[in-house]
């Protein structure tokens, strides 16, 4: 119950913060090597959050692939042990 209340409060705070940010006018102008980009602060925050989320997702996929040989090996050891104990008990 406490987790649900904390989740709802954090969701309400997030929506209030995003709506406050959307109501505030502001522009970001970036000029780099002859290219110019104009965007609002709200779009910059949303874009940064999306890049952060995609980076976290990619990192978790890479970490899962990196640890997969060890997890498969552990699974095979547990299965072999279970089969051995089952054969001894029968």
PDB file of N, CA and C in Angstrom:
ATOM      1  N   UNK A   1       0.819  -1.186   0.000  1.00  0.00           N
ATOM      2  CA  UNK A   1       0.000   0.000   0.000  1.00  0.00           C
ATOM      3  C   UNK A   1       0.866   1.253   0.000  1.00  0.00           C
ATOM      4  N   UNK A   2       1.950   1.191   0.772  1.00  0.00           N
ATOM      5  CA  UNK A   2       2.845   2.340   0.841  1.00  0.00           C
ATOM      6  C   UNK A   2       3.518   2.572  -0.511  1.00  0.00           C
ATOM      7  N   UNK A   3       3.895   1.485  -1.185  1.00  0.00           N
ATOM      8  CA  UNK A   3       4.514   1.610  -2.504  1.00  0.00           C
ATOM      9  C   UNK A   3       3.564   2.251  -3.506  1.00  0.00           C
ATOM     10  N   UNK A   4       2.305   1.875  -3.439  1.00  0.00           N
ATOM     11  CA  UNK A   4       1.319   2.442  -4.347  1.00  0.00           C
ATOM     12  C   UNK A   4       1.166   3.935  -4.110  1.00  0.00           C
ATOM     13  N   UNK A   5       1.084   4.340  -2.862  1.00  0.00           N
ATOM     14  CA  UNK A   5       0.951   5.755  -2.537  1.00  0.00           C
ATOM     15  C   UNK A   5       2.193   6.525  -2.991  1.00  0.00           C
ATOM     16  N   UNK A   6       3.381   5.964  -2.744  1.00  0.00           N
ATOM     17  CA  UNK A   6       4.607   6.626  -3.183  1.00  0.00           C
ATOM     18  C   UNK A   6       4.679   6.722  -4.700  1.00  0.00           C
ATOM     19  N   UNK A   7       4.246   5.678  -5.396  1.00  0.00           N
ATOM     20  CA  UNK A   7       4.231   5.705  -6.849  1.00  0.00           C
ATOM     21  C   UNK A   7       3.287   6.783  -7.363  1.00  0.00           C
ATOM     22  N   UNK A   8       2.091   6.855  -6.792  1.00  0.00           N
ATOM     23  CA  UNK A   8       1.122   7.859  -7.232  1.00  0.00           C
ATOM     24  C   UNK A   8       1.596   9.275  -6.920  1.00  0.00           C
ATOM     25  N   UNK A   9       2.229   9.470  -5.757  1.00  0.00           N
ATOM     26  CA  UNK A   9       2.760  10.789  -5.429  1.00  0.00           C
ATOM     27  C   UNK A   9       3.892  11.190  -6.366  1.00  0.00           C
ATOM     28  N   UNK A  10       4.759  10.251  -6.691  1.00  0.00           N
ATOM     29  CA  UNK A  10       5.852  10.571  -7.617  1.00  0.00           C
ATOM     30  C   UNK A  10       5.323  10.831  -9.020  1.00  0.00           C
ATOM     31  N   UNK A  11       4.301  10.105  -9.431  1.00  0.00           N
ATOM     32  CA  UNK A  11       3.684  10.339 -10.729  1.00  0.00           C
ATOM     33  C   UNK A  11       3.014  11.708 -10.776  1.00  0.00           C
ATOM     34  N   UNK A  12       2.344  12.094  -9.696  1.00  0.00           N
ATOM     35  CA  UNK A  12       1.718  13.413  -9.633  1.00  0.00           C
ATOM     36  C   UNK A  12       2.769  14.519  -9.663  1.00  0.00           C
ATOM     37  N   UNK A  13       3.878  14.323  -8.954  1.00  0.00           N
ATOM     38  CA  UNK A  13       4.957  15.316  -8.955  1.00  0.00           C
ATOM     39  C   UNK A  13       5.573  15.435 -10.343  1.00  0.00           C
ATOM     40  N   UNK A  14       5.754  14.307 -11.020  1.00  0.00           N
ATOM     41  CA  UNK A  14       6.321  14.327 -12.366  1.00  0.00           C
ATOM     42  C   UNK A  14       5.401  15.070 -13.338  1.00  0.00           C
ATOM     43  N   UNK A  15       4.111  14.793 -13.288  1.00  0.00           N
ATOM     44  CA  UNK A  15       3.186  15.466 -14.196  1.00  0.00           C
ATOM     45  C   UNK A  15       3.079  16.950 -13.876  1.00  0.00           C
ATOM     46  N   UNK A  16       3.114  17.285 -12.587  1.00  0.00           N
ATOM     47  CA  UNK A  16       3.072  18.705 -12.224  1.00  0.00           C
ATOM     48  C   UNK A  16       4.326  19.422 -12.711  1.00  0.00           C
ATOM     49  N   UNK A  17       5.473  18.774 -12.569  1.00  0.00           N
ATOM     50  CA  UNK A  17       6.710  19.379 -13.037  1.00  0.00           C
ATOM     51  C   UNK A  17       6.746  19.540 -14.546  1.00  0.00           C
ATOM     52  N   UNK A  18       6.272  18.541 -15.270  1.00  0.00           N
ATOM     53  CA  UNK A  18       6.255  18.642 -16.724  1.00  0.00           C
ATOM     54  C   UNK A  18       5.254  19.678 -17.213  1.00  0.00           C
ATOM     55  N   UNK A  19       4.115  19.780 -16.562  1.00  0.00           N
ATOM     56  CA  UNK A  19       3.154  20.805 -16.976  1.00  0.00           C
ATOM     57  C   UNK A  19       3.681  22.199 -16.650  1.00  0.00           C
ATOM     58  N   UNK A  20       4.369  22.349 -15.526  1.00  0.00           N
ATOM     59  CA  UNK A  20       4.979  23.636 -15.196  1.00  0.00           C
ATOM     60  C   UNK A  20       6.032  24.001 -16.236  1.00  0.00           C
ATOM     61  N   UNK A  21       6.833  23.026 -16.638  1.00  0.00           N
ATOM     62  CA  UNK A  21       7.874  23.264 -17.624  1.00  0.00           C
ATOM     63  C   UNK A  21       7.282  23.581 -18.989  1.00  0.00           C
ATOM     64  N   UNK A  22       6.176  22.952 -19.350  1.00  0.00           N
ATOM     65  CA  UNK A  22       5.541  23.205 -20.642  1.00  0.00           C
ATOM     66  C   UNK A  22       4.934  24.602 -20.700  1.00  0.00           C
ATOM     67  N   UNK A  23       4.501  25.146 -19.563  1.00  0.00           N
ATOM     68  CA  UNK A  23       3.901  26.475 -19.537  1.00  0.00           C
ATOM     69  C   UNK A  23       4.926  27.596 -19.580  1.00  0.00           C
ATOM     70  N   UNK A  24       6.179  27.312 -19.302  1.00  0.00           N
ATOM     71  CA  UNK A  24       7.219  28.342 -19.276  1.00  0.00           C
ATOM     72  C   UNK A  24       7.850  28.473 -20.647  1.00  0.00           C
ATOM     73  N   UNK A  25       7.792  29.669 -21.224  1.00  0.00           N
ATOM     74  CA  UNK A  25       8.417  29.844 -22.528  1.00  0.00           C
ATOM     75  C   UNK A  25       9.942  29.909 -22.383  1.00  0.00           C
ATOM     76  N   UNK A  26      10.607  29.440 -23.383  1.00  0.00           N
ATOM     77  CA  UNK A  26      12.057  29.496 -23.398  1.00  0.00           C
ATOM     78  C   UNK A  26      12.582  28.739 -24.598  1.00  0.00           C
ATOM     79  N   UNK A  27      13.655  29.235 -25.145  1.00  0.00           N
ATOM     80  CA  UNK A  27      14.251  28.607 -26.314  1.00  0.00           C
ATOM     81  C   UNK A  27      15.707  28.302 -26.043  1.00  0.00           C
ATOM     82  N   UNK A  28      16.171  27.259 -26.683  1.00  0.00           N
ATOM     83  CA  UNK A  28      17.584  26.920 -26.657  1.00  0.00           C
ATOM     84  C   UNK A  28      18.069  27.003 -28.096  1.00  0.00           C
ATOM     85  N   UNK A  29      19.114  27.761 -28.300  1.00  0.00           N
ATOM     86  CA  UNK A  29      19.680  27.915 -29.634  1.00  0.00           C
ATOM     87  C   UNK A  29      21.080  27.330 -29.614  1.00  0.00           C
ATOM     88  N   UNK A  30      21.296  26.324 -30.461  1.00  0.00           N
ATOM     89  CA  UNK A  30      22.596  25.664 -30.554  1.00  0.00           C
ATOM     90  C   UNK A  30      23.115  25.859 -31.968  1.00  0.00           C
ATOM     91  N   UNK A  31      24.318  26.371 -32.067  1.00  0.00           N
ATOM     92  CA  UNK A  31      24.957  26.520 -33.367  1.00  0.00           C
ATOM     93  C   UNK A  31      26.306  25.829 -33.292  1.00  0.00           C
ATOM     94  N   UNK A  32      26.502  24.855 -34.186  1.00  0.00           N
ATOM     95  CA  UNK A  32      27.714  24.053 -34.138  1.00  0.00           C
ATOM     96  C   UNK A  32      28.116  23.670 -35.551  1.00  0.00           C
ATOM     97  N   UNK A  33      29.285  24.026 -35.951  1.00  0.00           N
ATOM     98  CA  UNK A  33      29.877  23.740 -37.245  1.00  0.00           C
ATOM     99  C   UNK A  33      28.945  24.103 -38.404  1.00  0.00           C
ATOM    100  N   UNK A  34      28.355  25.255 -38.314  1.00  0.00           N
ATOM    101  CA  UNK A  34      27.504  25.740 -39.388  1.00  0.00           C
ATOM    102  C   UNK A  34      26.066  25.285 -39.320  1.00  0.00           C
ATOM    103  N   UNK A  35      25.730  24.411 -38.409  1.00  0.00           N
ATOM    104  CA  UNK A  35      24.345  23.953 -38.245  1.00  0.00           C
ATOM    105  C   UNK A  35      23.713  24.696 -37.079  1.00  0.00           C
ATOM    106  N   UNK A  36      22.477  25.083 -37.237  1.00  0.00           N
ATOM    107  CA  UNK A  36      21.757  25.780 -36.175  1.00  0.00           C
ATOM    108  C   UNK A  36      20.534  24.956 -35.780  1.00  0.00           C
ATOM    109  N   UNK A  37      20.310  24.851 -34.490  1.00  0.00           N
ATOM    110  CA  UNK A  37      19.155  24.120 -33.973  1.00  0.00           C
ATOM    111  C   UNK A  37      18.458  24.995 -32.948  1.00  0.00           C
ATOM    112  N   UNK A  38      17.175  25.179 -33.117  1.00  0.00           N
ATOM    113  CA  UNK A  38      16.342  25.910 -32.160  1.00  0.00           C
ATOM    114  C   UNK A  38      15.315  24.950 -31.599  1.00  0.00           C
ATOM    115  N   UNK A  39      15.233  24.874 -30.285  1.00  0.00           N
ATOM    116  CA  UNK A  39      14.216  24.050 -29.661  1.00  0.00           C
ATOM    117  C   UNK A  39      13.827  24.650 -28.319  1.00  0.00           C
ATOM    118  N   UNK A  40      12.667  24.225 -27.868  1.00  0.00           N
ATOM    119  CA  UNK A  40      12.182  24.735 -26.589  1.00  0.00           C
ATOM    120  C   UNK A  40      12.831  23.953 -25.458  1.00  0.00           C
ATOM    121  N   UNK A  41      12.755  24.516 -24.276  1.00  0.00           N
ATOM    122  CA  UNK A  41      13.328  23.856 -23.100  1.00  0.00           C
ATOM    123  C   UNK A  41      12.580  22.556 -22.823  1.00  0.00           C
ATOM    124  N   UNK A  42      11.272  22.571 -22.997  1.00  0.00           N
ATOM    125  CA  UNK A  42      10.469  21.368 -22.766  1.00  0.00           C
ATOM    126  C   UNK A  42      10.906  20.228 -23.684  1.00  0.00           C
ATOM    127  N   UNK A  43      11.101  20.528 -24.964  1.00  0.00           N
ATOM    128  CA  UNK A  43      11.550  19.499 -25.900  1.00  0.00           C
ATOM    129  C   UNK A  43      12.956  19.010 -25.557  1.00  0.00           C
ATOM    130  N   UNK A  44      13.800  19.895 -25.086  1.00  0.00           N
ATOM    131  CA  UNK A  44      15.157  19.492 -24.699  1.00  0.00           C
ATOM    132  C   UNK A  44      15.115  18.544 -23.505  1.00  0.00           C
ATOM    133  N   UNK A  45      14.262  18.837 -22.532  1.00  0.00           N
ATOM    134  CA  UNK A  45      14.151  17.966 -21.351  1.00  0.00           C
ATOM    135  C   UNK A  45      13.577  16.610 -21.743  1.00  0.00           C
ATOM    136  N   UNK A  46      12.539  16.607 -22.556  1.00  0.00           N
ATOM    137  CA  UNK A  46      11.932  15.349 -22.996  1.00  0.00           C
ATOM    138  C   UNK A  46      12.929  14.554 -23.841  1.00  0.00           C
ATOM    139  N   UNK A  47      13.647  15.208 -24.721  1.00  0.00           N
ATOM    140  CA  UNK A  47      14.652  14.524 -25.532  1.00  0.00           C
ATOM    141  C   UNK A  47      15.770  13.954 -24.679  1.00  0.00           C
ATOM    142  N   UNK A  48      16.215  14.696 -23.681  1.00  0.00           N
ATOM    143  CA  UNK A  48      17.259  14.192 -22.786  1.00  0.00           C
ATOM    144  C   UNK A  48      16.764  12.983 -22.002  1.00  0.00           C
ATOM    145  N   UNK A  49      15.519  13.031 -21.551  1.00  0.00           N
ATOM    146  CA  UNK A  49      14.949  11.896 -20.820  1.00  0.00           C
ATOM    147  C   UNK A  49      14.842  10.670 -21.723  1.00  0.00           C
ATOM    148  N   UNK A  50      14.483  10.876 -22.980  1.00  0.00           N
ATOM    149  CA  UNK A  50      14.384   9.748 -23.908  1.00  0.00           C
ATOM    150  C   UNK A  50      15.761   9.152 -24.196  1.00  0.00           C
ATOM    151  N   UNK A  51      16.758  10.011 -24.375  1.00  0.00           N
ATOM    152  CA  UNK A  51      18.121   9.514 -24.606  1.00  0.00           C
ATOM    153  C   UNK A  51      18.610   8.754 -23.382  1.00  0.00           C
ATOM    154  N   UNK A  52      18.339   9.264 -22.198  1.00  0.00           N
ATOM    155  CA  UNK A  52      18.734   8.578 -20.969  1.00  0.00           C
ATOM    156  C   UNK A  52      18.033   7.224 -20.845  1.00  0.00           C
ATOM    157  N   UNK A  53      16.748   7.171 -21.141  1.00  0.00           N
ATOM    158  CA  UNK A  53      16.006   5.917 -21.078  1.00  0.00           C
ATOM    159  C   UNK A  53      16.508   4.896 -22.085  1.00  0.00           C
ATOM    160  N   UNK A  54      16.783   5.336 -23.309  1.00  0.00           N
ATOM    161  CA  UNK A  54      17.308   4.412 -24.309  1.00  0.00           C
ATOM    162  C   UNK A  54      18.706   3.928 -23.944  1.00  0.00           C
ATOM    163  N   UNK A  55      19.516   4.803 -23.354  1.00  0.00           N
ATOM    164  CA  UNK A  55      20.846   4.402 -22.908  1.00  0.00           C
ATOM    165  C   UNK A  55      20.750   3.356 -21.811  1.00  0.00           C
ATOM    166  N   UNK A  56      19.844   3.548 -20.861  1.00  0.00           N
ATOM    167  CA  UNK A  56      19.666   2.570 -19.789  1.00  0.00           C
ATOM    168  C   UNK A  56      19.176   1.234 -20.340  1.00  0.00           C
ATOM    169  N   UNK A  57      18.262   1.270 -21.308  1.00  0.00           N
ATOM    170  CA  UNK A  57      17.762   0.045 -21.924  1.00  0.00           C
ATOM    171  C   UNK A  57      18.881  -0.683 -22.658  1.00  0.00           C
ATOM    172  N   UNK A  58      19.671   0.043 -23.433  1.00  0.00           N
ATOM    173  CA  UNK A  58      20.782  -0.565 -24.156  1.00  0.00           C
ATOM    174  C   UNK A  58      21.807  -1.147 -23.199  1.00  0.00           C
ATOM    175  N   UNK A  59      22.089  -0.429 -22.107  1.00  0.00           N
ATOM    176  CA  UNK A  59      23.044  -0.923 -21.114  1.00  0.00           C
ATOM    177  C   UNK A  59      22.544  -2.221 -20.471  1.00  0.00           C
ATOM    178  N   UNK A  60      21.261  -2.296 -20.156  1.00  0.00           N
ATOM    179  CA  UNK A  60      20.743  -3.510 -19.528  1.00  0.00           C
ATOM    180  C   UNK A  60      20.772  -4.683 -20.501  1.00  0.00           C
ATOM    181  N   UNK A  61      20.526  -4.440 -21.784  1.00  0.00           N
ATOM    182  CA  UNK A  61      20.600  -5.518 -22.779  1.00  0.00           C
ATOM    183  C   UNK A  61      22.028  -6.011 -22.915  1.00  0.00           C
ATOM    184  N   UNK A  62      22.981  -5.086 -22.983  1.00  0.00           N
ATOM    185  CA  UNK A  62      24.388  -5.474 -23.099  1.00  0.00           C
ATOM    186  C   UNK A  62      24.840  -6.232 -21.854  1.00  0.00           C
ATOM    187  N   UNK A  63      24.423  -5.758 -20.671  1.00  0.00           N
ATOM    188  CA  UNK A  63      24.798  -6.435 -19.432  1.00  0.00           C
ATOM    189  C   UNK A  63      24.205  -7.836 -19.373  1.00  0.00           C
ATOM    190  N   UNK A  64      22.966  -7.991 -19.825  1.00  0.00           N
ATOM    191  CA  UNK A  64      22.326  -9.309 -19.846  1.00  0.00           C
ATOM    192  C   UNK A  64      23.066 -10.256 -20.781  1.00  0.00           C
ATOM    193  N   UNK A  65      23.446  -9.763 -21.949  1.00  0.00           N
ATOM    194  CA  UNK A  65      24.204 -10.600 -22.885  1.00  0.00           C
ATOM    195  C   UNK A  65      25.575 -10.955 -22.333  1.00  0.00           C
ATOM    196  N   UNK A  66      26.189 -10.034 -21.617  1.00  0.00           N
ATOM    197  CA  UNK A  66      27.520 -10.275 -21.056  1.00  0.00           C
ATOM    198  C   UNK A  66      27.474 -11.359 -19.980  1.00  0.00           C
ATOM    199  N   UNK A  67      26.416 -11.362 -19.178  1.00  0.00           N
ATOM    200  CA  UNK A  67      26.303 -12.323 -18.086  1.00  0.00           C
ATOM    201  C   UNK A  67      25.574 -13.608 -18.487  1.00  0.00           C
ATOM    202  N   UNK A  68      25.128 -13.719 -19.721  1.00  0.00           N
ATOM    203  CA  UNK A  68      24.359 -14.896 -20.117  1.00  0.00           C
ATOM    204  C   UNK A  68      25.169 -16.195 -20.072  1.00  0.00           C
ATOM    205  N   UNK A  69      26.455 -16.219 -20.437  1.00  0.00           N
ATOM    206  CA  UNK A  69      27.165 -17.500 -20.312  1.00  0.00           C
ATOM    207  C   UNK A  69      27.209 -18.010 -18.871  1.00  0.00           C
ATOM    208  N   UNK A  70      27.407 -17.122 -17.922  1.00  0.00           N
ATOM    209  CA  UNK A  70      27.443 -17.549 -16.521  1.00  0.00           C
ATOM    210  C   UNK A  70      26.073 -18.031 -16.059  1.00  0.00           C
ATOM    211  N   UNK A  71      25.013 -17.372 -16.466  1.00  0.00           N
ATOM    212  CA  UNK A  71      23.678 -17.803 -16.039  1.00  0.00           C
ATOM    213  C   UNK A  71      23.300 -19.130 -16.694  1.00  0.00           C
ATOM    214  N   UNK A  72      23.686 -19.322 -17.946  1.00  0.00           N
ATOM    215  CA  UNK A  72      23.413 -20.609 -18.602  1.00  0.00           C
ATOM    216  C   UNK A  72      24.213 -21.716 -17.928  1.00  0.00           C
ATOM    217  N   UNK A  73      25.469 -21.435 -17.595  1.00  0.00           N
ATOM    218  CA  UNK A  73      26.279 -22.423 -16.894  1.00  0.00           C
ATOM    219  C   UNK A  73      25.707 -22.777 -15.536  1.00  0.00           C
ATOM    220  N   UNK A  74      25.238 -21.777 -14.803  1.00  0.00           N
ATOM    221  CA  UNK A  74      24.612 -22.046 -13.509  1.00  0.00           C
ATOM    222  C   UNK A  74      23.353 -22.868 -13.642  1.00  0.00           C
ATOM    223  N   UNK A  75      22.570 -22.574 -14.682  1.00  0.00           N
ATOM    224  CA  UNK A  75      21.367 -23.361 -14.927  1.00  0.00           C
ATOM    225  C   UNK A  75      21.717 -24.814 -15.215  1.00  0.00           C
ATOM    226  N   UNK A  76      22.742 -25.034 -16.037  1.00  0.00           N
ATOM    227  CA  UNK A  76      23.131 -26.408 -16.373  1.00  0.00           C
ATOM    228  C   UNK A  76      23.656 -27.158 -15.152  1.00  0.00           C
ATOM    229  N   UNK A  77      24.404 -26.471 -14.293  1.00  0.00           N
ATOM    230  CA  UNK A  77      24.907 -27.114 -13.072  1.00  0.00           C
ATOM    231  C   UNK A  77      23.752 -27.484 -12.148  1.00  0.00           C
ATOM    232  N   UNK A  78      22.790 -26.584 -11.972  1.00  0.00           N
ATOM    233  CA  UNK A  78      21.633 -26.880 -11.115  1.00  0.00           C
ATOM    234  C   UNK A  78      20.803 -28.028 -11.681  1.00  0.00           C
ATOM    235  N   UNK A  79      20.641 -28.047 -13.007  1.00  0.00           N
ATOM    236  CA  UNK A  79      19.865 -29.120 -13.621  1.00  0.00           C
ATOM    237  C   UNK A  79      20.572 -30.464 -13.467  1.00  0.00           C
ATOM    238  N   UNK A  80      21.880 -30.479 -13.654  1.00  0.00           N
ATOM    239  CA  UNK A  80      22.649 -31.717 -13.498  1.00  0.00           C
ATOM    240  C   UNK A  80      22.583 -32.206 -12.052  1.00  0.00           C
ATOM    241  N   UNK A  81      22.678 -31.278 -11.118  1.00  0.00           N
ATOM    242  CA  UNK A  81      22.605 -31.645  -9.699  1.00  0.00           C
ATOM    243  C   UNK A  81      21.226 -32.202  -9.355  1.00  0.00           C
ATOM    244  N   UNK A  82      20.181 -31.558  -9.876  1.00  0.00           N
ATOM    245  CA  UNK A  82      18.820 -32.032  -9.610  1.00  0.00           C
ATOM    246  C   UNK A  82      18.612 -33.420 -10.208  1.00  0.00           C
ATOM    247  N   UNK A  83      19.098 -33.642 -11.416  1.00  0.00           N
ATOM    248  CA  UNK A  83      18.961 -34.956 -12.042  1.00  0.00           C
ATOM    249  C   UNK A  83      19.709 -36.015 -11.229  1.00  0.00           C
ATOM    250  N   UNK A  84      20.897 -35.679 -10.746  1.00  0.00           N
ATOM    251  CA  UNK A  84      21.659 -36.625  -9.940  1.00  0.00           C
ATOM    252  C   UNK A  84      20.943 -36.972  -8.648  1.00  0.00           C
ATOM    253  N   UNK A  85      20.395 -35.949  -7.980  1.00  0.00           N
ATOM    254  CA  UNK A  85      19.669 -36.209  -6.728  1.00  0.00           C
ATOM    255  C   UNK A  85      18.400 -37.006  -6.992  1.00  0.00           C
ATOM    256  N   UNK A  86      17.723 -36.707  -8.113  1.00  0.00           N
ATOM    257  CA  UNK A  86      16.515 -37.471  -8.461  1.00  0.00           C
ATOM    258  C   UNK A  86      16.848 -38.932  -8.750  1.00  0.00           C
ATOM    259  N   UNK A  87      17.955 -39.174  -9.437  1.00  0.00           N
ATOM    260  CA  UNK A  87      18.323 -40.558  -9.752  1.00  0.00           C
ATOM    261  C   UNK A  87      18.763 -41.313  -8.496  1.00  0.00           C
ATOM    262  N   UNK A  88      19.394 -40.606  -7.553  1.00  0.00           N
ATOM    263  CA  UNK A  88      19.776 -41.256  -6.307  1.00  0.00           C
ATOM    264  C   UNK A  88      18.566 -41.587  -5.438  1.00  0.00           C
ATOM    265  N   UNK A  89      17.554 -40.743  -5.477  1.00  0.00           N
ATOM    266  CA  UNK A  89      16.385 -40.961  -4.625  1.00  0.00           C
ATOM    267  C   UNK A  89      15.441 -42.009  -5.202  1.00  0.00           C
ATOM    268  N   UNK A  90      15.558 -42.308  -6.485  1.00  0.00           N
ATOM    269  CA  UNK A  90      14.627 -43.296  -7.058  1.00  0.00           C
ATOM    270  C   UNK A  90      15.229 -44.655  -7.193  1.00  0.00           C
TER     271      UNK A  90
END
